[in-house]
Amino acid sequence: MTNEQAKADLAAIMDGVQEQMRTIARIQQQRAELTASATARGKKVTVTVNADNTVIDVKFGDDIDELSYSEIAKAVIEAAQRACKEVADKTTDLMAPLDTQRTRMPKLTDLVAGLTDIEIPGVVPAATGRPDTLGRQNFPDGSGAPASSDKGRGGSVTDSSW
């Protein structure tokens, strides 16, 4: 009788796995079609990103000339970050059915006595600050590159020691 029960349990697990695979395939297709747009500076800048957070469109309003180049650059970054947040929220919503299915599936520890749960580390969010503010080493001259040092080599690119 226990062998029959084990067979039935395994069949139920396999059905669950197959259902998850179908759900994953559907979610992957829907995710591939996701986009999000966001605006900044009073709709002077609009940025659209895809599900991979790749910028796929940038539009400037007719009144963009009211902004300096620096303000435009900041507005593009701001709008892109908002669009990326929106696409991340859409992706989370898209994943909800899969998360529900996973909670219904038995855990590995339920199937194998004495096995401890395997914990998967959480996602570490990527930095969104400017590169020069992300711990990049600044050198004495204020640049991000080391000062040139003469170690027996010439100081010119055309020098033969290159």
Protein backbone atom coordinates (compact mmCIF):
# COMPACT_ATOMS: atom_id res chain seq x y z
CA MET A 1 0.00 0.00 0.00
CA THR A 2 2.82 2.46 0.76
CA ASN A 3 4.34 1.78 -2.66
CA GLU A 4 1.04 2.69 -4.31
CA GLN A 5 0.87 5.84 -2.19
CA ALA A 6 4.43 6.78 -3.19
CA LYS A 7 3.54 6.28 -6.86
CA ALA A 8 0.47 8.47 -6.48
CA ASP A 9 2.50 11.16 -4.67
CA LEU A 10 5.15 11.09 -7.40
CA ALA A 11 2.50 11.35 -10.12
CA ALA A 12 0.96 14.35 -8.36
CA ILE A 13 4.36 16.00 -8.08
CA MET A 14 5.10 15.40 -11.76
CA ASP A 15 1.72 16.88 -12.71
CA GLY A 16 2.58 19.93 -10.60
CA VAL A 17 5.99 20.29 -12.23
CA GLN A 18 4.47 20.05 -15.71
CA GLU A 19 1.89 22.69 -14.77
CA GLN A 20 4.72 24.94 -13.54
CA MET A 21 6.64 24.47 -16.80
CA ARG A 22 3.57 25.52 -18.81
CA THR A 23 3.12 28.53 -16.54
CA ILE A 24 6.80 29.48 -16.88
CA ALA A 25 6.61 29.28 -20.69
CA ARG A 26 3.50 31.49 -20.71
CA ILE A 27 5.09 34.00 -18.30
CA GLN A 28 8.30 34.14 -20.34
CA GLN A 29 6.34 35.00 -23.47
CA GLN A 30 4.29 37.66 -21.69
CA ARG A 31 7.40 39.11 -20.05
CA ALA A 32 9.14 39.37 -23.43
CA GLU A 33 6.33 41.70 -24.53
CA LEU A 34 6.45 43.95 -21.45
CA THR A 35 7.35 47.61 -21.76
CA ALA A 36 6.95 50.59 -19.48
CA SER A 37 7.18 54.32 -20.06
CA ALA A 38 7.77 57.12 -17.60
CA THR A 39 8.13 60.86 -17.84
CA ALA A 40 10.18 63.50 -16.06
CA ARG A 41 10.37 67.29 -15.81
CA GLY A 42 6.74 67.96 -16.55
CA LYS A 43 6.56 65.45 -19.42
CA LYS A 44 9.44 67.13 -21.21
CA VAL A 45 11.22 63.73 -21.31
CA THR A 46 9.62 60.30 -21.83
CA VAL A 47 11.64 57.08 -21.67
CA THR A 48 10.38 53.60 -22.56
CA VAL A 49 12.17 50.42 -21.47
CA ASN A 50 11.57 46.76 -22.20
CA ALA A 51 11.46 43.88 -19.69
CA ASP A 52 15.27 43.67 -19.74
CA ASN A 53 15.46 47.34 -18.70
CA THR A 54 16.88 48.28 -22.08
CA VAL A 55 15.90 51.76 -23.19
CA ILE A 56 13.94 51.31 -26.41
CA ASP A 57 12.60 54.84 -26.91
CA VAL A 58 13.29 58.38 -25.73
CA LYS A 59 11.03 61.29 -26.62
CA PHE A 60 11.45 64.96 -25.87
CA GLY A 61 8.53 67.37 -25.58
CA ASP A 62 8.28 70.48 -27.72
CA ASP A 63 9.40 72.54 -24.73
CA ILE A 64 12.62 70.59 -24.13
CA ASP A 65 14.64 73.71 -24.98
CA GLU A 66 13.60 75.11 -21.59
CA LEU A 67 16.05 72.65 -19.97
CA SER A 68 19.84 72.77 -19.96
CA TYR A 69 21.82 69.79 -21.24
CA SER A 70 22.54 68.80 -17.66
CA GLU A 71 18.84 68.95 -16.76
CA ILE A 72 17.95 66.88 -19.84
CA ALA A 73 20.52 64.24 -18.86
CA LYS A 74 19.14 64.08 -15.32
CA ALA A 75 15.57 63.90 -16.65
CA VAL A 76 16.45 60.99 -18.95
CA ILE A 77 17.98 59.08 -16.03
CA GLU A 78 15.03 59.88 -13.79
CA ALA A 79 12.46 58.77 -16.37
CA ALA A 80 14.44 55.63 -17.21
CA GLN A 81 14.64 54.65 -13.54
CA ARG A 82 10.90 55.19 -13.11
CA ALA A 83 10.18 53.11 -16.21
CA CYS A 84 12.46 50.33 -14.93
CA LYS A 85 10.63 50.34 -11.58
CA GLU A 86 7.31 50.09 -13.41
CA VAL A 87 8.48 47.17 -15.56
CA ALA A 88 9.79 45.44 -12.40
CA ASP A 89 6.37 45.86 -10.76
CA LYS A 90 4.69 44.43 -13.86
CA THR A 91 7.09 41.48 -13.81
CA THR A 92 6.29 40.81 -10.15
CA ASP A 93 2.57 40.81 -10.97
CA LEU A 94 3.23 38.47 -13.88
CA MET A 95 5.10 36.05 -11.61
CA ALA A 96 2.30 35.86 -9.00
CA PRO A 97 0.61 32.73 -10.46
CA LEU A 98 3.93 30.88 -10.44
CA ASP A 99 4.54 31.86 -6.83
CA THR A 100 1.08 30.53 -5.95
CA GLN A 101 1.82 27.23 -7.71
CA ARG A 102 5.14 26.93 -5.89
CA THR A 103 3.51 27.29 -2.49
CA ARG A 104 1.18 24.39 -3.31
CA MET A 105 4.06 22.10 -4.24
CA PRO A 106 5.61 19.96 -1.50
CA LYS A 107 9.00 21.07 -0.28
CA LEU A 108 12.04 18.85 -0.75
CA THR A 109 12.16 18.43 3.03
CA ASP A 110 8.63 16.98 2.92
CA LEU A 111 9.79 14.31 0.50
CA VAL A 112 13.19 13.37 1.92
CA ALA A 113 13.34 12.79 5.66
CA GLY A 114 16.20 14.52 7.44
CA LEU A 115 16.95 16.94 4.61
CA THR A 116 17.18 20.58 5.60
CA ASP A 117 15.57 23.34 3.54
CA ILE A 118 17.77 24.92 0.90
CA GLU A 119 17.59 28.67 1.16
CA ILE A 120 17.96 30.71 -1.99
CA PRO A 121 19.50 34.13 -1.37
CA GLY A 122 17.32 37.12 -2.14
CA VAL A 123 17.93 39.53 -4.97
CA VAL A 124 20.49 42.24 -4.31
CA PRO A 125 19.34 45.39 -6.08
CA ALA A 126 21.77 46.94 -8.53
CA ALA A 127 23.13 50.40 -7.86
CA THR A 128 21.27 53.26 -9.49
CA GLY A 129 23.63 56.11 -8.64
CA ARG A 130 26.06 57.78 -10.98
CA PRO A 131 29.26 55.78 -11.53
CA ASP A 132 31.39 58.45 -9.85
CA THR A 133 29.31 58.13 -6.67
CA LEU A 134 29.37 54.34 -6.41
CA GLY A 135 32.62 53.93 -4.53
CA ARG A 136 34.75 54.47 -7.59
CA GLN A 137 38.16 55.47 -6.46
CA ASN A 138 38.97 59.10 -7.08
CA PHE A 139 42.58 59.97 -7.56
CA PRO A 140 44.49 63.08 -6.51
CA ASP A 141 43.73 64.97 -9.71
CA GLY A 142 39.98 64.36 -9.17
CA SER A 143 39.67 61.95 -12.07
CA GLY A 144 38.75 58.30 -11.95
CA ALA A 145 42.12 57.28 -13.34
CA PRO A 146 45.43 56.96 -11.58
CA ALA A 147 47.96 59.71 -12.12
CA SER A 148 50.55 58.72 -14.67
CA SER A 149 53.77 57.53 -13.16
CA ASP A 150 57.05 57.29 -14.94
CA LYS A 151 58.36 53.76 -14.48
CA GLY A 152 61.12 53.94 -17.01
CA ARG A 153 58.75 54.46 -19.88
CA GLY A 154 58.33 57.52 -21.99
CA GLY A 155 55.49 59.91 -21.41
CA SER A 156 54.06 59.84 -24.94
CA VAL A 157 51.82 57.43 -26.79
CA THR A 158 54.19 57.52 -29.70
CA ASP A 159 57.10 56.52 -27.49
CA SER A 160 58.67 53.24 -28.62
CA SER A 161 58.38 51.73 -25.14
CA TRP A 162 54.63 51.24 -25.64
